[in-house]
Protein backbone atom coordinates (compact mmCIF):
# COMPACT_ATOMS: atom_id res chain seq x y z
CA MET A 1 51.40 -6.82 -17.67
CA ALA A 2 50.33 -10.02 -15.92
CA ASN A 3 48.19 -12.65 -17.65
CA ARG A 4 46.57 -15.92 -16.65
CA SER A 5 49.83 -17.84 -17.09
CA SER A 6 52.12 -15.30 -15.41
CA ILE A 7 54.10 -16.16 -12.28
CA THR A 8 52.10 -13.55 -10.34
CA VAL A 9 48.83 -15.28 -11.18
CA ARG A 10 50.30 -18.70 -10.40
CA ILE A 11 51.41 -17.48 -6.97
CA GLY A 12 47.94 -16.03 -6.42
CA ARG A 13 46.36 -19.38 -7.19
CA ARG A 14 48.62 -21.03 -4.63
CA VAL A 15 47.42 -18.53 -2.04
CA GLN A 16 43.80 -19.21 -3.02
CA SER A 17 44.25 -22.93 -2.54
CA ALA A 18 45.57 -22.49 1.01
CA PRO A 19 43.11 -23.12 3.89
CA LEU A 20 42.73 -19.43 4.80
CA TRP A 21 39.36 -20.19 6.41
CA LEU A 22 41.37 -21.37 9.43
CA PHE A 23 42.07 -17.69 10.14
CA ARG A 24 38.43 -16.66 10.07
CA PHE A 25 38.52 -16.40 13.86
CA VAL A 26 40.31 -13.08 13.27
CA GLU A 27 37.37 -11.49 11.41
CA TRP A 28 34.52 -13.45 12.98
CA PRO A 29 34.18 -11.20 16.10
CA PHE A 30 33.95 -8.12 13.87
CA VAL A 31 31.26 -9.76 11.73
CA LYS A 32 29.19 -10.72 14.77
CA LEU A 33 29.62 -7.34 16.45
CA LEU A 34 29.26 -4.99 13.49
CA GLY A 35 26.82 -7.15 11.55
CA LYS A 36 24.40 -7.71 14.43
CA GLY A 37 20.95 -6.45 13.55
CA ARG A 38 21.97 -5.52 10.02
CA PHE A 39 19.84 -7.04 7.30
CA PHE A 40 20.30 -4.68 4.37
CA ALA A 41 23.17 -5.77 2.09
CA PRO A 42 23.12 -3.43 -0.94
CA ALA A 43 24.64 -4.94 -4.07
CA ILE A 44 24.69 -4.61 -7.85
CA LEU A 45 24.85 -8.04 -9.50
CA VAL A 46 25.36 -8.32 -13.25
CA LEU A 47 23.78 -11.42 -14.80
CA ALA A 48 25.31 -12.19 -18.17
CA LEU A 49 26.32 -14.90 -20.63
CA PRO A 50 29.98 -15.63 -21.42
CA ARG A 51 31.34 -13.42 -24.22
CA SER A 52 28.34 -11.08 -23.93
CA GLY A 53 30.32 -8.03 -22.80
CA SER A 54 30.15 -8.72 -19.06
CA THR A 55 33.73 -7.62 -18.39
CA VAL A 56 33.43 -4.19 -19.99
CA THR A 57 30.02 -3.74 -18.33
CA TYR A 58 31.58 -4.60 -14.97
CA GLN A 59 34.43 -2.18 -15.66
CA VAL A 60 31.92 0.55 -16.56
CA ILE A 61 30.14 0.06 -13.22
CA CYS A 62 33.40 -0.01 -11.20
CA HIS A 63 34.72 3.07 -13.01
CA GLY A 64 31.52 5.08 -13.22
CA LEU A 65 29.96 4.37 -9.81
CA LYS A 66 31.25 4.41 -6.24
CA VAL A 67 30.98 0.72 -5.45
CA ASN A 68 32.87 -1.80 -3.35
CA TYR A 69 33.55 -4.29 -6.13
CA LEU A 70 34.94 -7.81 -6.05
CA SER A 71 38.57 -7.25 -7.04
CA ASN A 72 41.34 -9.74 -7.80
CA LEU A 73 42.70 -9.08 -4.31
CA TRP A 74 39.36 -9.77 -2.67
CA ASN A 75 38.91 -12.91 -4.76
CA LEU A 76 42.38 -13.98 -3.62
CA LEU A 77 41.20 -13.71 0.00
CA TYR A 78 37.76 -15.15 -0.72
CA GLN A 79 37.77 -17.35 2.38
CA LEU A 80 38.09 -14.22 4.57
CA PRO A 81 35.43 -11.97 3.00
CA LEU A 82 35.44 -9.15 5.57
CA ILE A 83 39.23 -8.83 5.65
CA GLY A 84 39.34 -9.24 1.88
CA GLY A 85 36.67 -6.57 1.46
CA TRP A 86 38.43 -4.10 3.76
CA VAL A 87 41.82 -4.60 2.12
CA SER A 88 40.30 -4.47 -1.35
CA ALA A 89 38.40 -1.24 -0.64
CA LYS A 90 41.63 0.41 0.44
CA LYS A 91 43.61 -0.89 -2.54
CA ALA A 92 40.89 -0.08 -5.09
CA LYS A 93 40.00 3.34 -3.66
CA ASN A 94 41.56 5.17 -6.60
CA HIS A 95 41.00 2.51 -9.24
CA CYS A 96 40.66 3.95 -12.72
CA SER A 97 39.82 1.43 -15.43
CA SER A 98 41.76 1.15 -18.68
CA PHE A 99 38.88 -0.99 -20.04
CA ASN A 100 41.35 -3.63 -21.17
CA SER A 101 40.91 -7.34 -20.45
CA GLN A 102 42.01 -10.77 -21.66
CA HIS A 103 38.99 -13.04 -22.04
CA GLY A 104 37.49 -11.72 -18.83
CA PHE A 105 40.76 -11.35 -16.92
CA VAL A 106 41.61 -7.80 -15.79
CA THR A 107 45.17 -7.34 -14.57
CA GLY A 108 46.22 -5.84 -11.25
CA LEU A 109 45.23 -6.55 -7.65
CA ASP A 110 42.60 -3.83 -7.95
CA GLY A 111 41.25 -5.19 -11.25
CA PRO A 112 37.60 -6.34 -11.21
CA ALA A 113 37.61 -10.12 -10.73
CA GLU A 114 35.59 -12.85 -12.42
CA GLY A 115 35.15 -14.35 -8.96
CA LEU A 116 34.95 -18.09 -9.66
CA ARG A 117 36.58 -19.16 -6.38
CA PHE A 118 34.60 -16.58 -4.39
CA TRP A 119 31.19 -17.66 -5.66
CA GLN A 120 31.97 -21.37 -5.68
CA TRP A 121 32.68 -21.08 -1.98
CA TRP A 122 29.94 -18.69 -0.82
CA LEU A 123 27.04 -19.53 -3.14
CA ASP A 124 27.96 -23.03 -4.34
CA CYS A 125 27.94 -21.70 -7.87
CA GLY A 126 30.36 -23.01 -10.52
CA LEU A 127 30.33 -22.94 -14.31
CA SER A 128 28.01 -25.91 -14.84
CA ASP A 129 24.81 -27.15 -13.20
CA ALA A 130 26.75 -30.03 -11.65
CA ASP A 131 29.04 -27.49 -9.96
CA CYS A 132 26.05 -25.65 -8.47
CA SER A 133 24.88 -28.45 -6.18
CA THR A 134 27.87 -29.61 -4.16
CA LEU A 135 27.03 -28.29 -0.68
CA PRO A 136 24.40 -29.51 1.80
CA GLU A 137 21.55 -26.99 2.11
CA GLY A 138 22.32 -26.22 5.75
CA LYS A 139 25.98 -25.43 5.04
CA LEU A 140 25.05 -23.26 2.07
CA HIS A 141 22.54 -21.33 4.19
CA LYS A 142 25.20 -20.61 6.84
CA ARG A 143 27.65 -19.35 4.24
CA ILE A 144 25.07 -17.08 2.63
CA LYS A 145 24.08 -15.68 6.03
CA TYR A 146 27.72 -14.95 6.89
CA LEU A 147 28.35 -13.26 3.54
CA ARG A 148 25.21 -11.14 3.88
CA GLU A 149 26.44 -9.93 7.26
CA VAL A 150 29.81 -9.07 5.71
CA LEU A 151 28.24 -7.15 2.82
CA SER A 152 25.95 -5.25 5.20
CA ILE A 153 29.03 -4.10 7.12
CA LEU A 154 30.95 -3.13 4.01
CA GLY A 155 27.94 -1.25 2.62
CA ARG A 156 27.63 1.07 5.63
CA LYS A 157 29.40 3.92 3.84
CA GLY A 158 26.88 3.87 1.03
CA HIS A 159 29.04 1.97 -1.44
CA PRO A 160 27.12 -1.12 -2.61
CA PHE A 161 28.91 -4.34 -3.42
CA ALA A 162 29.30 -5.05 -7.15
CA THR A 163 30.14 -8.22 -9.05
CA ALA A 164 29.63 -9.74 -12.51
CA TYR A 165 30.09 -13.49 -12.14
CA LEU A 166 29.04 -15.50 -15.20
CA GLY A 167 28.03 -18.57 -13.19
CA HIS A 168 25.14 -16.61 -11.67
CA SER A 169 23.31 -17.03 -14.98
CA LEU A 170 22.79 -20.69 -14.06
CA VAL A 171 21.06 -19.94 -10.75
CA PRO A 172 19.46 -16.48 -11.00
CA ASP A 173 16.70 -17.28 -8.51
CA ARG A 174 19.21 -18.59 -5.96
CA VAL A 175 21.12 -15.33 -6.34
CA GLN A 176 17.96 -13.25 -5.85
CA LYS A 177 16.89 -15.31 -2.84
CA ALA A 178 20.33 -15.04 -1.24
CA PHE A 179 20.50 -11.27 -1.83
CA PRO A 180 16.92 -9.94 -1.97
CA ASP A 181 18.21 -6.37 -1.57
CA ALA A 182 20.41 -6.64 -4.66
CA ILE A 183 20.01 -4.76 -7.92
CA LEU A 184 19.93 -7.36 -10.73
CA VAL A 185 21.34 -6.04 -14.00
CA ARG A 186 20.58 -8.35 -16.93
CA LEU A 187 23.07 -7.84 -19.78
CA ARG A 188 21.81 -8.78 -23.23
CA ARG A 189 23.84 -9.08 -26.41
CA ASP A 190 22.69 -9.90 -29.92
CA PRO A 191 22.55 -13.74 -29.72
CA VAL A 192 24.32 -14.29 -33.04
CA ALA A 193 27.14 -11.92 -32.08
CA ASN A 194 27.32 -13.55 -28.63
CA ALA A 195 27.58 -17.02 -30.17
CA MET A 196 30.14 -15.80 -32.72
CA SER A 197 32.37 -14.59 -29.90
CA LEU A 198 31.98 -17.94 -28.14
CA LEU A 199 32.93 -19.71 -31.36
CA THR A 200 36.10 -17.64 -31.66
CA SER A 201 37.06 -18.48 -28.07
CA MET A 202 36.38 -22.19 -28.59
CA ARG A 203 38.53 -22.29 -31.68
CA LYS A 204 41.32 -20.37 -29.97
CA ASN A 205 41.32 -22.73 -26.99
CA GLY A 206 40.79 -25.86 -29.08
CA SER A 207 37.90 -26.92 -26.84
CA ASP A 208 34.33 -28.15 -27.33
CA TRP A 209 32.84 -25.64 -24.88
CA PHE A 210 33.82 -22.31 -23.39
CA SER A 211 32.93 -21.08 -19.90
CA VAL A 212 29.39 -21.53 -18.51
CA THR A 213 27.60 -24.60 -19.89
CA PRO A 214 24.00 -25.43 -18.85
CA ARG A 215 22.68 -28.97 -18.53
CA GLU A 216 20.61 -28.56 -21.68
CA CYS A 217 23.86 -28.65 -23.67
CA GLU A 218 24.77 -32.11 -22.42
CA GLY A 219 24.69 -34.80 -25.09
CA LEU A 220 25.60 -32.42 -27.92
CA GLY A 221 28.99 -34.01 -28.51
CA ARG A 222 28.12 -34.81 -32.13
CA ALA A 223 26.62 -31.40 -32.85
CA THR A 224 28.52 -28.97 -35.06
CA GLU A 225 30.47 -26.17 -33.44
CA HIS A 226 27.85 -23.69 -34.66
CA GLU A 227 25.06 -25.74 -33.08
CA ARG A 228 26.95 -25.98 -29.79
CA VAL A 229 27.52 -22.24 -29.36
CA ALA A 230 23.95 -21.53 -30.50
CA ALA A 231 22.60 -23.96 -27.88
CA GLN A 232 24.79 -22.42 -25.18
CA VAL A 233 23.49 -18.92 -25.91
CA TYR A 234 19.89 -20.06 -26.38
CA TRP A 235 19.62 -22.04 -23.16
CA LEU A 236 21.46 -19.57 -20.95
CA ASN A 237 19.19 -16.81 -22.22
CA ARG A 238 16.20 -19.05 -21.53
CA ARG A 239 17.49 -19.66 -18.01
CA LEU A 240 17.42 -15.90 -17.35
CA ASP A 241 14.20 -15.27 -19.27
CA ASP A 242 12.33 -17.97 -17.34
CA ALA A 243 13.68 -17.04 -13.90
CA ALA A 244 11.13 -16.05 -11.27
CA SER A 245 13.31 -12.99 -10.68
CA ALA A 246 13.23 -11.94 -14.36
CA SER A 247 10.77 -9.12 -13.69
CA GLU A 248 13.17 -7.69 -11.09
CA MET A 249 16.04 -7.34 -13.57
CA LEU A 250 17.10 -4.14 -15.30
CA ILE A 251 17.79 -4.98 -18.95
CA VAL A 252 20.98 -3.43 -20.33
CA GLU A 253 21.76 -4.05 -23.98
CA TYR A 254 25.45 -4.49 -24.71
CA GLU A 255 25.27 -2.67 -28.03
CA LYS A 256 23.60 0.37 -26.43
CA LEU A 257 26.16 0.35 -23.62
CA CYS A 258 28.96 0.46 -26.20
CA GLU A 259 27.24 3.24 -28.14
CA ASN A 260 26.71 5.46 -25.09
CA PRO A 261 28.23 4.28 -21.77
CA GLU A 262 27.26 7.47 -19.92
CA ARG A 263 23.60 7.05 -20.78
CA GLU A 264 23.53 3.43 -19.61
CA ILE A 265 25.40 4.02 -16.36
CA GLU A 266 22.85 6.72 -15.54
CA ARG A 267 20.06 4.22 -16.23
CA ILE A 268 21.68 1.81 -13.79
CA ARG A 269 22.15 4.53 -11.17
CA ARG A 270 18.53 5.68 -11.46
CA TRP A 271 17.30 2.08 -11.23
CA CYS A 272 19.32 1.64 -8.05
CA TYR A 273 17.76 4.80 -6.62
CA GLU A 274 14.24 3.58 -7.43
CA LYS A 275 15.04 0.32 -5.62
CA GLY A 276 16.31 2.13 -2.53
CA VAL A 277 20.04 1.71 -3.19
CA LEU A 278 21.82 5.06 -3.32
CA VAL A 279 25.05 5.08 -5.30
CA GLN A 280 27.14 8.06 -6.30
CA ARG A 281 28.94 8.71 -9.57
CA ARG A 282 32.69 8.32 -9.75
CA PHE A 283 34.56 8.98 -13.02
CA TYR A 284 33.27 9.96 -16.42
CA LEU A 285 33.20 7.20 -19.01
CA PRO A 286 34.52 7.04 -22.59
CA LYS A 287 32.13 8.32 -25.25
CA ALA A 288 31.83 4.85 -26.80
CA PHE A 289 33.36 1.38 -27.09
CA PRO A 290 33.92 -0.46 -30.37
CA PHE A 291 31.74 -3.48 -31.14
CA LYS A 292 30.78 -5.56 -34.16
CA ARG A 293 27.38 -6.46 -35.52
CA PRO A 294 27.03 -9.88 -37.22
CA GLU A 295 26.58 -9.89 -40.99
CA LEU A 296 24.35 -12.85 -41.76
CA ASN A 297 24.58 -12.35 -45.50
CA ALA A 298 28.36 -12.00 -45.67
CA ASP A 299 29.65 -14.23 -42.85
CA GLN A 300 29.21 -17.99 -43.21
CA ASP A 301 29.71 -18.65 -39.48
CA ALA A 302 27.11 -16.04 -38.56
CA ARG A 303 24.65 -17.52 -41.05
CA LYS A 304 25.06 -21.05 -39.65
CA ILE A 305 24.70 -19.81 -36.09
CA GLY A 306 21.61 -17.80 -37.01
CA LYS A 307 20.00 -20.90 -38.54
CA ALA A 308 20.87 -23.00 -35.47
CA LEU A 309 19.28 -20.39 -33.19
CA ASP A 310 16.17 -20.28 -35.36
CA ASP A 311 15.91 -24.08 -35.27
CA LEU A 312 16.11 -24.06 -31.47
CA GLU A 313 13.41 -21.44 -31.21
CA VAL A 314 11.14 -23.38 -33.56
CA LYS A 315 11.69 -26.60 -31.62
CA TYR A 316 11.64 -25.34 -28.04
CA GLY A 317 9.93 -21.97 -28.27
CA LYS A 318 6.62 -23.61 -29.12
CA LEU A 319 7.02 -26.01 -26.21
CA LYS A 320 7.54 -23.02 -23.92
CA GLU A 321 4.35 -21.37 -25.20
CA GLU A 322 2.36 -24.59 -24.85
CA GLY A 323 3.72 -25.16 -21.36
């Protein structure tokens, strides 16, 4: 089984770093011919915090629904989105999820991808606010237009595009504006449990932060580790709560998804139908997934995180109400 440090992954990263965009002349005529006059680009976009259950939610969607999802192979060929999408659809045609992952990484060319390189390139969206403003507006607009044309072509068979990129939580309104036809699925997890999982990852990696970090967390170098993960969860949730597109999001609770995956995938499918995106069922899902609830009375870390979250709400929640 490959992992992030395996030779297979290292070779893949070398391929990603190559200037494959030079070969876009191969797919460009198809995009202009087949994408002409097409404006509808159906997609299911999961908006989630790091360590909130985004990977298993993404796997549930890719396993339970007939979608054309962003796979590791497609992410590898991110500079050639139409070719990558065609090749990926063929490779992932019979994909059956094992629901295993390693901190968001799913093995195999047909494994659902996190998509960092893909979304950095096409939507100028990294894992921090500074990494979400690197392209001139005109260049970004051209890339979005090209990608919309690609997704409209790939969606002709009734299989919407699906992705669950964590960086989208930083720019939810940009995502909605770029893909107004998309179904936005907002994944929520108990904030203490979410922060606890972030804390575990930070300690394992020996780092001060893990994954997506909003600008509001800058200047917290002297804060305790519990205060840092609490701030990360609080401000990323606020970013999604305060988004202009918030009312367009379907709320899926991670705990309920784990308790009954079939029920939640049907909710997603029905929401898609109500929004004009038809998607068929694929495979049945497991009856349940294991998950833990935080014990504030018994766990010292959970108690400290809970207090830090309460302090943030007292300090900034009132400002939000007054504003």
